[in-house]
Amino acid sequence: MHNLDVTKTLGAWSTLADSIFVPHTEDEYRRLVALLDGLIDEVGEDESHPLASLMEIIGVLIEKYDDDRVPELSVE
């Protein structure tokens, strides 16, 4: 297991925390969707791109918000 250098992590996180977060409001959700759109434009389908994992993380955060708040359609 890697040792986490908290000081380095804190420095990096402080610059990212306004952009990467768990959305709790519709506005925060929209901000993440806009960020994901920009990442998709930059990364495309290149799984080896340095931002590909960030794009995946943002996608998971958006999906979780959707799952928690958007009712599923029932088929009868």
C-alpha atoms as a PDB file:
ATOM      1  CA  MET A   1       0.000   0.000   0.000  1.00  0.00           C
ATOM      2  CA  HIS A   2       1.249   3.471  -0.814  1.00  0.00           C
ATOM      3  CA  ASN A   3       1.816   5.947   1.973  1.00  0.00           C
ATOM      4  CA  LEU A   4      -0.303   9.010   1.455  1.00  0.00           C
ATOM      5  CA  ASP A   5       1.651  12.223   1.692  1.00  0.00           C
ATOM      6  CA  VAL A   6      -1.079  14.331   3.270  1.00  0.00           C
ATOM      7  CA  THR A   7       0.771  17.600   2.768  1.00  0.00           C
ATOM      8  CA  LYS A   8       1.156  17.035  -0.981  1.00  0.00           C
ATOM      9  CA  THR A   9      -2.400  15.786  -1.261  1.00  0.00           C
ATOM     10  CA  LEU A  10      -3.758  18.809   0.595  1.00  0.00           C
ATOM     11  CA  GLY A  11      -1.905  21.148  -1.757  1.00  0.00           C
ATOM     12  CA  ALA A  12      -3.229  19.385  -4.835  1.00  0.00           C
ATOM     13  CA  TRP A  13      -6.746  18.997  -3.491  1.00  0.00           C
ATOM     14  CA  SER A  14      -7.095  22.643  -2.538  1.00  0.00           C
ATOM     15  CA  THR A  15      -6.774  23.544  -6.214  1.00  0.00           C
ATOM     16  CA  LEU A  16      -9.269  20.874  -7.336  1.00  0.00           C
ATOM     17  CA  ALA A  17     -11.930  20.894  -4.607  1.00  0.00           C
ATOM     18  CA  ASP A  18     -14.039  23.563  -6.309  1.00  0.00           C
ATOM     19  CA  SER A  19     -14.244  21.423  -9.455  1.00  0.00           C
ATOM     20  CA  ILE A  20     -14.451  17.848  -8.156  1.00  0.00           C
ATOM     21  CA  PHE A  21     -17.055  17.084  -5.512  1.00  0.00           C
ATOM     22  CA  VAL A  22     -20.071  14.953  -4.720  1.00  0.00           C
ATOM     23  CA  PRO A  23     -23.037  16.923  -6.074  1.00  0.00           C
ATOM     24  CA  HIS A  24     -25.865  17.646  -3.656  1.00  0.00           C
ATOM     25  CA  THR A  25     -27.796  20.245  -5.636  1.00  0.00           C
ATOM     26  CA  GLU A  26     -29.001  20.646  -9.204  1.00  0.00           C
ATOM     27  CA  ASP A  27     -26.494  23.479  -9.701  1.00  0.00           C
ATOM     28  CA  GLU A  28     -23.587  21.322  -8.535  1.00  0.00           C
ATOM     29  CA  TYR A  29     -24.829  18.533 -10.796  1.00  0.00           C
ATOM     30  CA  ARG A  30     -24.882  20.893 -13.791  1.00  0.00           C
ATOM     31  CA  ARG A  31     -21.354  22.087 -12.977  1.00  0.00           C
ATOM     32  CA  LEU A  32     -20.106  18.485 -13.007  1.00  0.00           C
ATOM     33  CA  VAL A  33     -21.901  17.767 -16.280  1.00  0.00           C
ATOM     34  CA  ALA A  34     -20.195  20.794 -17.838  1.00  0.00           C
ATOM     35  CA  LEU A  35     -16.827  19.575 -16.527  1.00  0.00           C
ATOM     36  CA  LEU A  36     -17.487  16.108 -17.940  1.00  0.00           C
ATOM     37  CA  ASP A  37     -18.422  17.593 -21.311  1.00  0.00           C
ATOM     38  CA  GLY A  38     -15.101  19.435 -21.392  1.00  0.00           C
ATOM     39  CA  LEU A  39     -13.205  16.301 -20.404  1.00  0.00           C
ATOM     40  CA  ILE A  40     -14.966  14.298 -23.112  1.00  0.00           C
ATOM     41  CA  ASP A  41     -13.948  16.928 -25.679  1.00  0.00           C
ATOM     42  CA  GLU A  42     -10.328  16.702 -24.483  1.00  0.00           C
ATOM     43  CA  VAL A  43      -9.974  12.969 -23.805  1.00  0.00           C
ATOM     44  CA  GLY A  44     -12.345  11.467 -26.330  1.00  0.00           C
ATOM     45  CA  GLU A  45     -11.896   7.680 -26.442  1.00  0.00           C
ATOM     46  CA  ASP A  46      -8.200   7.755 -25.495  1.00  0.00           C
ATOM     47  CA  GLU A  47      -8.068   5.527 -22.409  1.00  0.00           C
ATOM     48  CA  SER A  48      -4.362   6.293 -21.997  1.00  0.00           C
ATOM     49  CA  HIS A  49      -4.965  10.062 -21.775  1.00  0.00           C
ATOM     50  CA  PRO A  50      -3.763  11.484 -18.433  1.00  0.00           C
ATOM     51  CA  LEU A  51      -7.275  12.806 -17.703  1.00  0.00           C
ATOM     52  CA  ALA A  52      -9.145   9.605 -18.629  1.00  0.00           C
ATOM     53  CA  SER A  53      -9.464   8.420 -15.025  1.00  0.00           C
ATOM     54  CA  LEU A  54     -10.696  11.855 -13.934  1.00  0.00           C
ATOM     55  CA  MET A  55     -13.322  11.690 -16.653  1.00  0.00           C
ATOM     56  CA  GLU A  56     -14.415   8.297 -15.316  1.00  0.00           C
ATOM     57  CA  ILE A  57     -14.595   9.590 -11.723  1.00  0.00           C
ATOM     58  CA  ILE A  58     -16.733  12.573 -12.750  1.00  0.00           C
ATOM     59  CA  GLY A  59     -18.986  10.220 -14.697  1.00  0.00           C
ATOM     60  CA  VAL A  60     -19.455   8.024 -11.617  1.00  0.00           C
ATOM     61  CA  LEU A  61     -20.334  11.064  -9.469  1.00  0.00           C
ATOM     62  CA  ILE A  62     -22.932  12.169 -12.033  1.00  0.00           C
ATOM     63  CA  GLU A  63     -24.354   8.664 -12.331  1.00  0.00           C
ATOM     64  CA  LYS A  64     -24.687   8.383  -8.543  1.00  0.00           C
ATOM     65  CA  TYR A  65     -26.559  11.694  -8.418  1.00  0.00           C
ATOM     66  CA  ASP A  66     -28.882  10.505 -11.199  1.00  0.00           C
ATOM     67  CA  ASP A  67     -29.487   7.159  -9.472  1.00  0.00           C
ATOM     68  CA  ASP A  68     -30.334   8.862  -6.173  1.00  0.00           C
ATOM     69  CA  ARG A  69     -32.636  11.545  -7.562  1.00  0.00           C
ATOM     70  CA  VAL A  70     -34.132  10.547 -10.872  1.00  0.00           C
ATOM     71  CA  PRO A  71     -36.976   8.019 -10.584  1.00  0.00           C
ATOM     72  CA  GLU A  72     -36.741   4.999 -12.825  1.00  0.00           C
ATOM     73  CA  LEU A  73     -39.427   4.523 -15.439  1.00  0.00           C
ATOM     74  CA  SER A  74     -41.594   1.534 -14.706  1.00  0.00           C
ATOM     75  CA  VAL A  75     -42.710  -0.614 -17.585  1.00  0.00           C
ATOM     76  CA  GLU A  76     -46.113  -2.184 -17.168  1.00  0.00           C
END
